[in-house]
Amino acid sequence: MGILVILIPASLFLGGVGLVAFFWLLRKGQFDDPEGDANRILSGDYDDKPKR
């Protein structure tokens, strides 16, 4: 039972860190265009060979 004294606060702390990181990334605009990369690879402009 004594280990729960350590594990419960540690899990709450790590969950809080994850939540803060998620909201920080939302404010930075990380998730603004989730469909952009998926559609870009399917378009006709996609080129297998990079330009030099």
N, C-alpha and C. Protein backbone atom coordinates (compact mmCIF):
# COMPACT_ATOMS: atom_id res chain seq x y z
N MET A 1 0.80 -1.20 0.00
CA MET A 1 0.00 0.00 0.00
C MET A 1 0.85 1.27 0.00
N GLY A 2 2.05 1.17 0.54
CA GLY A 2 2.90 2.34 0.63
C GLY A 2 3.35 2.86 -0.73
N ILE A 3 3.43 1.95 -1.71
CA ILE A 3 3.88 2.36 -3.04
C ILE A 3 2.86 3.26 -3.73
N LEU A 4 1.57 3.14 -3.33
CA LEU A 4 0.53 4.00 -3.90
C LEU A 4 0.74 5.46 -3.56
N VAL A 5 1.40 5.72 -2.44
CA VAL A 5 1.70 7.10 -2.04
C VAL A 5 2.65 7.74 -3.05
N ILE A 6 3.46 6.94 -3.71
CA ILE A 6 4.39 7.45 -4.71
C ILE A 6 3.76 7.41 -6.10
N LEU A 7 3.08 6.31 -6.43
CA LEU A 7 2.58 6.13 -7.79
C LEU A 7 1.43 7.06 -8.16
N ILE A 8 0.52 7.31 -7.24
CA ILE A 8 -0.62 8.18 -7.56
C ILE A 8 -0.18 9.62 -7.83
N PRO A 9 0.63 10.26 -6.98
CA PRO A 9 1.09 11.61 -7.33
C PRO A 9 1.96 11.64 -8.59
N ALA A 10 2.77 10.60 -8.80
CA ALA A 10 3.62 10.57 -9.99
C ALA A 10 2.77 10.49 -11.25
N SER A 11 1.73 9.66 -11.24
CA SER A 11 0.87 9.55 -12.42
C SER A 11 0.08 10.83 -12.66
N LEU A 12 -0.38 11.47 -11.59
CA LEU A 12 -1.08 12.76 -11.75
C LEU A 12 -0.15 13.83 -12.29
N PHE A 13 1.09 13.83 -11.82
CA PHE A 13 2.06 14.81 -12.31
C PHE A 13 2.36 14.59 -13.80
N LEU A 14 2.60 13.34 -14.19
CA LEU A 14 2.90 13.07 -15.60
C LEU A 14 1.69 13.34 -16.50
N GLY A 15 0.50 13.05 -16.02
CA GLY A 15 -0.70 13.39 -16.78
C GLY A 15 -0.85 14.89 -16.95
N GLY A 16 -0.54 15.65 -15.91
CA GLY A 16 -0.59 17.11 -15.99
C GLY A 16 0.44 17.66 -16.96
N VAL A 17 1.63 17.08 -16.95
CA VAL A 17 2.67 17.52 -17.89
C VAL A 17 2.22 17.26 -19.33
N GLY A 18 1.62 16.10 -19.57
CA GLY A 18 1.11 15.79 -20.91
C GLY A 18 0.00 16.74 -21.33
N LEU A 19 -0.88 17.08 -20.42
CA LEU A 19 -1.97 18.00 -20.73
C LEU A 19 -1.45 19.40 -21.02
N VAL A 20 -0.49 19.85 -20.25
CA VAL A 20 0.11 21.17 -20.49
C VAL A 20 0.83 21.18 -21.84
N ALA A 21 1.54 20.12 -22.17
CA ALA A 21 2.22 20.05 -23.47
C ALA A 21 1.22 20.05 -24.61
N PHE A 22 0.11 19.35 -24.45
CA PHE A 22 -0.92 19.33 -25.50
C PHE A 22 -1.48 20.72 -25.74
N PHE A 23 -1.85 21.43 -24.67
CA PHE A 23 -2.40 22.77 -24.84
C PHE A 23 -1.35 23.74 -25.38
N TRP A 24 -0.10 23.56 -25.03
CA TRP A 24 0.97 24.41 -25.56
C TRP A 24 1.10 24.20 -27.07
N LEU A 25 1.04 22.94 -27.51
CA LEU A 25 1.11 22.67 -28.95
C LEU A 25 -0.12 23.18 -29.68
N LEU A 26 -1.27 23.15 -29.05
CA LEU A 26 -2.47 23.73 -29.68
C LEU A 26 -2.29 25.23 -29.91
N ARG A 27 -1.74 25.93 -28.94
CA ARG A 27 -1.53 27.38 -29.07
C ARG A 27 -0.49 27.71 -30.13
N LYS A 28 0.49 26.82 -30.32
CA LYS A 28 1.52 27.06 -31.33
C LYS A 28 1.04 26.74 -32.74
N GLY A 29 -0.15 26.10 -32.88
CA GLY A 29 -0.69 25.82 -34.20
C GLY A 29 -0.21 24.50 -34.79
N GLN A 30 0.23 23.59 -33.96
CA GLN A 30 0.77 22.32 -34.44
C GLN A 30 -0.29 21.49 -35.15
N PHE A 31 -1.54 21.61 -34.76
CA PHE A 31 -2.60 20.76 -35.29
C PHE A 31 -3.55 21.52 -36.21
N ASP A 32 -3.10 22.61 -36.82
CA ASP A 32 -3.98 23.43 -37.65
C ASP A 32 -4.38 22.75 -38.96
N ASP A 33 -3.51 21.97 -39.56
CA ASP A 33 -3.79 21.38 -40.86
C ASP A 33 -3.54 19.87 -40.83
N PRO A 34 -4.43 19.11 -40.18
CA PRO A 34 -4.18 17.67 -40.08
C PRO A 34 -4.36 16.93 -41.40
N GLU A 35 -5.10 17.50 -42.35
CA GLU A 35 -5.35 16.83 -43.63
C GLU A 35 -4.35 17.24 -44.71
N GLY A 36 -3.54 18.24 -44.46
CA GLY A 36 -2.64 18.77 -45.48
C GLY A 36 -1.65 17.76 -46.00
N ASP A 37 -0.93 17.09 -45.12
CA ASP A 37 0.07 16.13 -45.57
C ASP A 37 -0.57 14.92 -46.23
N ALA A 38 -1.71 14.49 -45.73
CA ALA A 38 -2.38 13.32 -46.31
C ALA A 38 -2.85 13.62 -47.73
N ASN A 39 -3.32 14.82 -47.98
CA ASN A 39 -3.79 15.17 -49.33
C ASN A 39 -2.63 15.53 -50.25
N ARG A 40 -1.57 16.06 -49.71
CA ARG A 40 -0.44 16.48 -50.53
C ARG A 40 0.22 15.30 -51.22
N ILE A 41 0.30 14.17 -50.55
CA ILE A 41 0.96 13.02 -51.15
C ILE A 41 0.10 12.39 -52.24
N LEU A 42 -1.21 12.61 -52.22
CA LEU A 42 -2.11 12.04 -53.22
C LEU A 42 -2.32 12.94 -54.42
N SER A 43 -1.85 14.17 -54.36
CA SER A 43 -2.08 15.09 -55.47
C SER A 43 -1.17 14.76 -56.65
N GLY A 44 -1.52 15.28 -57.80
CA GLY A 44 -0.74 15.04 -59.01
C GLY A 44 0.59 15.77 -59.01
N ASP A 45 0.76 16.72 -58.12
CA ASP A 45 2.01 17.49 -58.05
C ASP A 45 3.10 16.75 -57.29
N TYR A 46 2.77 15.61 -56.72
CA TYR A 46 3.75 14.86 -55.93
C TYR A 46 4.82 14.30 -56.85
N ASP A 47 6.07 14.48 -56.47
CA ASP A 47 7.19 14.04 -57.30
C ASP A 47 8.06 13.06 -56.51
N ASP A 48 8.34 11.90 -57.11
CA ASP A 48 9.17 10.90 -56.45
C ASP A 48 10.62 11.34 -56.32
N LYS A 49 11.06 12.12 -57.24
CA LYS A 49 12.47 12.55 -57.25
C LYS A 49 12.56 14.01 -56.83
N PRO A 50 13.28 14.32 -55.75
CA PRO A 50 13.41 15.70 -55.34
C PRO A 50 14.18 16.53 -56.35
N LYS A 51 13.85 17.82 -56.40
CA LYS A 51 14.54 18.73 -57.31
C LYS A 51 15.90 19.09 -56.75
N ARG A 52 16.85 19.31 -57.62
CA ARG A 52 18.21 19.68 -57.19
C ARG A 52 18.49 21.13 -57.47
